Amino acid sequence: MKKRLILATMAAFAVSGAGAQPQQPSKKVLVAYFSHSGNTREVARQIGEATGGDLFEIVPATPYPAEYQAVVDQGKKEIAAGVRPALKKPVGDLSQYDVIFVGSPCWWATRYKSFQYADI
């Protein structure tokens, strides 16, 4: 049974085009992402692979705590105060890109209201 499931999954990927070589994009693509647990990192990787885009990990200068409740407490305080944490390094010249994907966790159904590309 397990063997059939694996084969069926592989067939579904083949039919869907997953695993196909990425096409060379006609536009220069950047995939910038922040990932606390790794989920957004994986999605960013897949988008980068599918588009041939450059990956840039957004890393805060001061890392978030690994312990779940501590990061929840800090995140809620930062959202309420409109904090924009300093970054370890900037992305660089964004004008070289035609398309920019920005990925981040959606914590507590919130988003930054005034996100600007210059913040990356």
N, C-alpha and C. Protein backbone atom coordinates (compact mmCIF):
# COMPACT_ATOMS: atom_id res chain seq x y z
N MET A 1 0.83 -1.20 0.00
CA MET A 1 0.00 0.00 0.00
C MET A 1 0.86 1.24 0.00
N LYS A 2 1.91 1.23 0.84
CA LYS A 2 2.80 2.38 0.95
C LYS A 2 3.48 2.67 -0.39
N LYS A 3 3.89 1.59 -1.09
CA LYS A 3 4.57 1.74 -2.37
C LYS A 3 3.64 2.38 -3.40
N ARG A 4 2.38 1.99 -3.40
CA ARG A 4 1.41 2.57 -4.33
C ARG A 4 1.20 4.05 -4.05
N LEU A 5 1.14 4.43 -2.78
CA LEU A 5 0.95 5.83 -2.40
C LEU A 5 2.12 6.67 -2.88
N ILE A 6 3.33 6.17 -2.70
CA ILE A 6 4.51 6.89 -3.15
C ILE A 6 4.51 7.04 -4.66
N LEU A 7 4.19 5.98 -5.37
CA LEU A 7 4.14 6.04 -6.82
C LEU A 7 3.04 6.98 -7.30
N ALA A 8 1.90 6.97 -6.63
CA ALA A 8 0.81 7.88 -6.99
C ALA A 8 1.22 9.33 -6.76
N THR A 9 1.93 9.58 -5.68
CA THR A 9 2.41 10.93 -5.39
C THR A 9 3.41 11.37 -6.44
N MET A 10 4.33 10.49 -6.80
CA MET A 10 5.32 10.83 -7.83
C MET A 10 4.63 11.10 -9.17
N ALA A 11 3.63 10.32 -9.50
CA ALA A 11 2.90 10.53 -10.75
C ALA A 11 2.18 11.87 -10.73
N ALA A 12 1.60 12.24 -9.60
CA ALA A 12 0.91 13.51 -9.48
C ALA A 12 1.88 14.67 -9.68
N PHE A 13 3.08 14.55 -9.13
CA PHE A 13 4.10 15.59 -9.33
C PHE A 13 4.50 15.68 -10.79
N ALA A 14 4.65 14.54 -11.44
CA ALA A 14 5.05 14.53 -12.85
C ALA A 14 3.99 15.19 -13.71
N VAL A 15 2.73 14.89 -13.47
CA VAL A 15 1.63 15.46 -14.25
C VAL A 15 1.50 16.95 -14.00
N SER A 16 1.72 17.37 -12.74
CA SER A 16 1.54 18.78 -12.39
C SER A 16 2.71 19.64 -12.86
N GLY A 17 3.80 19.01 -13.24
CA GLY A 17 4.97 19.78 -13.67
C GLY A 17 5.94 20.05 -12.54
N ALA A 18 5.60 19.62 -11.33
CA ALA A 18 6.52 19.81 -10.21
C ALA A 18 7.79 19.04 -10.48
N GLY A 19 8.89 19.63 -10.15
CA GLY A 19 10.16 18.98 -10.40
C GLY A 19 10.71 19.28 -11.77
N ALA A 20 9.94 19.97 -12.62
CA ALA A 20 10.42 20.34 -13.93
C ALA A 20 11.47 21.44 -13.78
N GLN A 21 12.35 21.52 -14.75
CA GLN A 21 13.37 22.56 -14.72
C GLN A 21 12.72 23.92 -14.85
N PRO A 22 13.15 24.90 -14.02
CA PRO A 22 12.55 26.23 -14.10
C PRO A 22 12.90 26.89 -15.43
N GLN A 23 11.94 27.63 -15.96
CA GLN A 23 12.16 28.39 -17.17
C GLN A 23 12.97 29.63 -16.83
N GLN A 24 13.81 30.07 -17.74
CA GLN A 24 14.54 31.30 -17.52
C GLN A 24 13.55 32.45 -17.56
N PRO A 25 13.47 33.23 -16.49
CA PRO A 25 12.51 34.33 -16.46
C PRO A 25 12.94 35.45 -17.40
N SER A 26 11.95 36.13 -17.97
CA SER A 26 12.26 37.26 -18.83
C SER A 26 12.51 38.49 -17.98
N LYS A 27 12.16 38.41 -16.71
CA LYS A 27 12.36 39.51 -15.78
C LYS A 27 13.22 39.04 -14.63
N LYS A 28 13.95 39.98 -14.04
CA LYS A 28 14.79 39.64 -12.88
C LYS A 28 13.91 39.61 -11.63
N VAL A 29 13.97 38.50 -10.89
CA VAL A 29 13.08 38.24 -9.76
C VAL A 29 13.88 38.15 -8.46
N LEU A 30 13.31 38.75 -7.41
CA LEU A 30 13.86 38.62 -6.06
C LEU A 30 12.78 38.01 -5.18
N VAL A 31 13.17 37.05 -4.37
CA VAL A 31 12.29 36.47 -3.37
C VAL A 31 12.90 36.78 -2.01
N ALA A 32 12.35 37.79 -1.33
CA ALA A 32 12.83 38.19 0.00
C ALA A 32 11.87 37.62 1.03
N TYR A 33 12.41 37.02 2.08
CA TYR A 33 11.53 36.37 3.04
C TYR A 33 12.09 36.43 4.45
N PHE A 34 11.19 36.40 5.42
CA PHE A 34 11.52 36.20 6.83
C PHE A 34 10.82 34.93 7.26
N SER A 35 11.54 34.06 7.92
CA SER A 35 10.96 32.80 8.36
C SER A 35 11.43 32.49 9.77
N HIS A 36 10.49 32.38 10.69
CA HIS A 36 10.86 32.06 12.07
C HIS A 36 11.01 30.55 12.27
N SER A 37 10.06 29.79 11.73
CA SER A 37 10.08 28.34 11.97
C SER A 37 10.59 27.53 10.79
N GLY A 38 10.70 28.16 9.62
CA GLY A 38 11.17 27.44 8.44
C GLY A 38 10.10 27.25 7.38
N ASN A 39 8.83 27.44 7.71
CA ASN A 39 7.76 27.24 6.73
C ASN A 39 7.85 28.25 5.58
N THR A 40 8.01 29.52 5.91
CA THR A 40 8.09 30.55 4.87
C THR A 40 9.38 30.37 4.06
N ARG A 41 10.45 29.93 4.70
CA ARG A 41 11.70 29.66 3.98
C ARG A 41 11.48 28.62 2.88
N GLU A 42 10.75 27.58 3.20
CA GLU A 42 10.51 26.52 2.22
C GLU A 42 9.66 27.03 1.06
N VAL A 43 8.63 27.81 1.35
CA VAL A 43 7.80 28.37 0.27
C VAL A 43 8.63 29.31 -0.59
N ALA A 44 9.46 30.14 0.05
CA ALA A 44 10.34 31.05 -0.70
C ALA A 44 11.29 30.27 -1.60
N ARG A 45 11.84 29.19 -1.08
CA ARG A 45 12.73 28.36 -1.88
C ARG A 45 12.02 27.83 -3.12
N GLN A 46 10.79 27.37 -2.94
CA GLN A 46 10.02 26.84 -4.06
C GLN A 46 9.71 27.93 -5.08
N ILE A 47 9.37 29.13 -4.61
CA ILE A 47 9.10 30.24 -5.54
C ILE A 47 10.38 30.60 -6.28
N GLY A 48 11.49 30.67 -5.56
CA GLY A 48 12.77 30.97 -6.19
C GLY A 48 13.13 29.94 -7.25
N GLU A 49 12.91 28.68 -6.94
CA GLU A 49 13.20 27.61 -7.90
C GLU A 49 12.29 27.71 -9.12
N ALA A 50 11.02 27.99 -8.90
CA ALA A 50 10.06 28.05 -10.00
C ALA A 50 10.29 29.27 -10.90
N THR A 51 10.79 30.36 -10.32
CA THR A 51 10.95 31.60 -11.09
C THR A 51 12.39 31.85 -11.52
N GLY A 52 13.34 31.11 -10.95
CA GLY A 52 14.74 31.39 -11.22
C GLY A 52 15.21 32.64 -10.50
N GLY A 53 14.45 33.05 -9.49
CA GLY A 53 14.75 34.29 -8.77
C GLY A 53 15.85 34.14 -7.73
N ASP A 54 16.39 35.30 -7.33
CA ASP A 54 17.38 35.35 -6.26
C ASP A 54 16.65 35.27 -4.93
N LEU A 55 17.22 34.55 -3.97
CA LEU A 55 16.67 34.47 -2.62
C LEU A 55 17.42 35.42 -1.69
N PHE A 56 16.67 36.11 -0.83
CA PHE A 56 17.27 36.95 0.20
C PHE A 56 16.52 36.70 1.49
N GLU A 57 17.23 36.20 2.51
CA GLU A 57 16.60 35.97 3.81
C GLU A 57 16.68 37.24 4.64
N ILE A 58 15.54 37.72 5.09
CA ILE A 58 15.45 38.88 5.97
C ILE A 58 15.75 38.39 7.38
N VAL A 59 16.86 38.87 7.95
CA VAL A 59 17.30 38.40 9.27
C VAL A 59 17.36 39.60 10.21
N PRO A 60 16.62 39.56 11.32
CA PRO A 60 16.70 40.68 12.26
C PRO A 60 18.08 40.73 12.93
N ALA A 61 18.53 41.96 13.23
CA ALA A 61 19.83 42.13 13.88
C ALA A 61 19.86 41.41 15.23
N THR A 62 18.74 41.47 15.95
CA THR A 62 18.60 40.73 17.21
C THR A 62 17.62 39.59 16.96
N PRO A 63 18.08 38.36 17.02
CA PRO A 63 17.20 37.23 16.72
C PRO A 63 16.00 37.15 17.67
N TYR A 64 14.91 36.62 17.14
CA TYR A 64 13.74 36.37 17.98
C TYR A 64 14.01 35.15 18.85
N PRO A 65 13.37 35.08 20.01
CA PRO A 65 13.55 33.90 20.87
C PRO A 65 13.06 32.63 20.16
N ALA A 66 13.68 31.52 20.45
CA ALA A 66 13.26 30.25 19.87
C ALA A 66 12.02 29.69 20.57
N GLU A 67 11.88 29.98 21.86
CA GLU A 67 10.76 29.47 22.65
C GLU A 67 9.47 30.15 22.19
N TYR A 68 8.47 29.35 21.92
CA TYR A 68 7.24 29.83 21.30
C TYR A 68 6.56 30.96 22.07
N GLN A 69 6.30 30.79 23.36
CA GLN A 69 5.57 31.81 24.11
C GLN A 69 6.35 33.12 24.18
N ALA A 70 7.68 33.03 24.26
CA ALA A 70 8.50 34.24 24.30
C ALA A 70 8.40 35.02 22.99
N VAL A 71 8.41 34.32 21.86
CA VAL A 71 8.30 35.01 20.58
C VAL A 71 6.88 35.57 20.39
N VAL A 72 5.88 34.87 20.89
CA VAL A 72 4.50 35.37 20.84
C VAL A 72 4.39 36.68 21.62
N ASP A 73 4.91 36.69 22.83
CA ASP A 73 4.85 37.90 23.67
C ASP A 73 5.58 39.06 23.01
N GLN A 74 6.78 38.81 22.51
CA GLN A 74 7.56 39.87 21.87
C GLN A 74 6.87 40.35 20.60
N GLY A 75 6.39 39.44 19.79
CA GLY A 75 5.73 39.80 18.54
C GLY A 75 4.50 40.66 18.77
N LYS A 76 3.68 40.30 19.74
CA LYS A 76 2.47 41.09 20.03
C LYS A 76 2.83 42.51 20.47
N LYS A 77 3.87 42.62 21.30
CA LYS A 77 4.31 43.95 21.75
C LYS A 77 4.82 44.78 20.57
N GLU A 78 5.59 44.16 19.69
CA GLU A 78 6.13 44.87 18.53
C GLU A 78 5.03 45.32 17.58
N ILE A 79 4.05 44.47 17.35
CA ILE A 79 2.94 44.83 16.47
C ILE A 79 2.18 46.00 17.04
N ALA A 80 1.87 45.95 18.34
CA ALA A 80 1.12 47.02 18.99
C ALA A 80 1.88 48.35 18.96
N ALA A 81 3.19 48.29 19.05
CA ALA A 81 4.01 49.51 19.08
C ALA A 81 4.47 49.95 17.69
N GLY A 82 4.16 49.15 16.65
CA GLY A 82 4.59 49.50 15.30
C GLY A 82 6.10 49.41 15.11
N VAL A 83 6.73 48.50 15.82
CA VAL A 83 8.18 48.34 15.77
C VAL A 83 8.61 47.74 14.43
N ARG A 84 9.69 48.25 13.90
CA ARG A 84 10.34 47.68 12.71
C ARG A 84 11.75 47.29 13.13
N PRO A 85 11.96 46.03 13.44
CA PRO A 85 13.28 45.60 13.93
C PRO A 85 14.39 45.91 12.93
N ALA A 86 15.55 46.27 13.46
CA ALA A 86 16.73 46.48 12.62
C ALA A 86 17.10 45.16 11.96
N LEU A 87 17.66 45.25 10.77
CA LEU A 87 18.06 44.05 10.03
C LEU A 87 19.56 43.83 10.11
N LYS A 88 19.95 42.55 10.04
CA LYS A 88 21.36 42.19 10.08
C LYS A 88 22.10 42.76 8.86
N LYS A 89 21.46 42.68 7.68
CA LYS A 89 22.05 43.27 6.47
C LYS A 89 20.92 43.66 5.52
N PRO A 90 21.12 44.76 4.77
CA PRO A 90 20.10 45.16 3.80
C PRO A 90 20.19 44.31 2.54
N VAL A 91 19.12 44.32 1.77
CA VAL A 91 19.09 43.52 0.55
C VAL A 91 19.98 44.11 -0.54
N GLY A 92 20.14 45.40 -0.54
CA GLY A 92 20.95 46.02 -1.59
C GLY A 92 20.08 46.79 -2.57
N ASP A 93 20.53 46.87 -3.80
CA ASP A 93 19.87 47.66 -4.83
C ASP A 93 18.64 46.93 -5.38
N LEU A 94 17.46 47.39 -4.98
CA LEU A 94 16.23 46.75 -5.44
C LEU A 94 15.87 47.16 -6.87
N SER A 95 16.46 48.23 -7.37
CA SER A 95 16.10 48.71 -8.70
C SER A 95 16.52 47.72 -9.80
N GLN A 96 17.38 46.77 -9.48
CA GLN A 96 17.79 45.78 -10.48
C GLN A 96 16.73 44.69 -10.70
N TYR A 97 15.69 44.68 -9.87
CA TYR A 97 14.67 43.64 -9.97
C TYR A 97 13.39 44.17 -10.61
N ASP A 98 12.79 43.33 -11.44
CA ASP A 98 11.51 43.66 -12.07
C ASP A 98 10.34 43.18 -11.23
N VAL A 99 10.54 42.06 -10.53
CA VAL A 99 9.48 41.45 -9.71
C VAL A 99 10.08 41.12 -8.35
N ILE A 100 9.38 41.50 -7.28
CA ILE A 100 9.85 41.19 -5.92
C ILE A 100 8.73 40.50 -5.16
N PHE A 101 8.99 39.28 -4.72
CA PHE A 101 8.08 38.56 -3.83
C PHE A 101 8.57 38.78 -2.41
N VAL A 102 7.67 39.12 -1.50
CA VAL A 102 8.03 39.29 -0.10
C VAL A 102 7.21 38.29 0.71
N GLY A 103 7.89 37.43 1.45
CA GLY A 103 7.20 36.42 2.25
C GLY A 103 7.54 36.58 3.71
N SER A 104 6.51 36.45 4.54
CA SER A 104 6.71 36.50 5.99
C SER A 104 5.59 35.72 6.66
N PRO A 105 5.81 35.32 7.89
CA PRO A 105 4.73 34.66 8.61
C PRO A 105 3.57 35.63 8.80
N CYS A 106 2.38 35.11 8.85
CA CYS A 106 1.21 35.93 9.17
C CYS A 106 0.87 35.62 10.62
N TRP A 107 1.38 36.47 11.52
CA TRP A 107 1.18 36.24 12.94
C TRP A 107 -0.09 36.91 13.39
N TRP A 108 -0.99 36.15 13.93
CA TRP A 108 -2.24 36.64 14.52
C TRP A 108 -3.05 37.46 13.53
N ALA A 109 -3.03 37.05 12.26
CA ALA A 109 -3.81 37.68 11.20
C ALA A 109 -3.50 39.17 11.08
N THR A 110 -2.25 39.55 11.27
CA THR A 110 -1.85 40.95 11.15
C THR A 110 -0.84 41.09 10.03
N ARG A 111 -0.60 42.30 9.63
CA ARG A 111 0.45 42.61 8.68
C ARG A 111 0.89 44.04 8.95
N TYR A 112 2.08 44.35 8.54
CA TYR A 112 2.55 45.72 8.70
C TYR A 112 1.75 46.62 7.77
N LYS A 113 1.22 47.70 8.31
CA LYS A 113 0.36 48.58 7.53
C LYS A 113 1.14 49.47 6.57
N SER A 114 2.36 49.77 6.90
CA SER A 114 3.12 50.69 6.06
C SER A 114 4.44 50.09 5.61
N PHE A 115 4.39 48.83 5.19
CA PHE A 115 5.60 48.17 4.71
C PHE A 115 6.12 48.88 3.49
N GLN A 116 7.40 49.13 3.46
CA GLN A 116 8.02 49.78 2.32
C GLN A 116 9.21 48.93 1.90
N TYR A 117 9.45 48.87 0.59
CA TYR A 117 10.58 48.08 0.11
C TYR A 117 11.89 48.58 0.69
N ALA A 118 11.97 49.88 0.99
CA ALA A 118 13.20 50.43 1.55
C ALA A 118 13.51 49.83 2.91
N ASP A 119 12.50 49.24 3.56
CA ASP A 119 12.71 48.62 4.87
C ASP A 119 13.49 47.32 4.79
N ILE A 120 13.54 46.75 3.60
CA ILE A 120 14.20 45.44 3.47
C ILE A 120 15.70 45.63 3.51
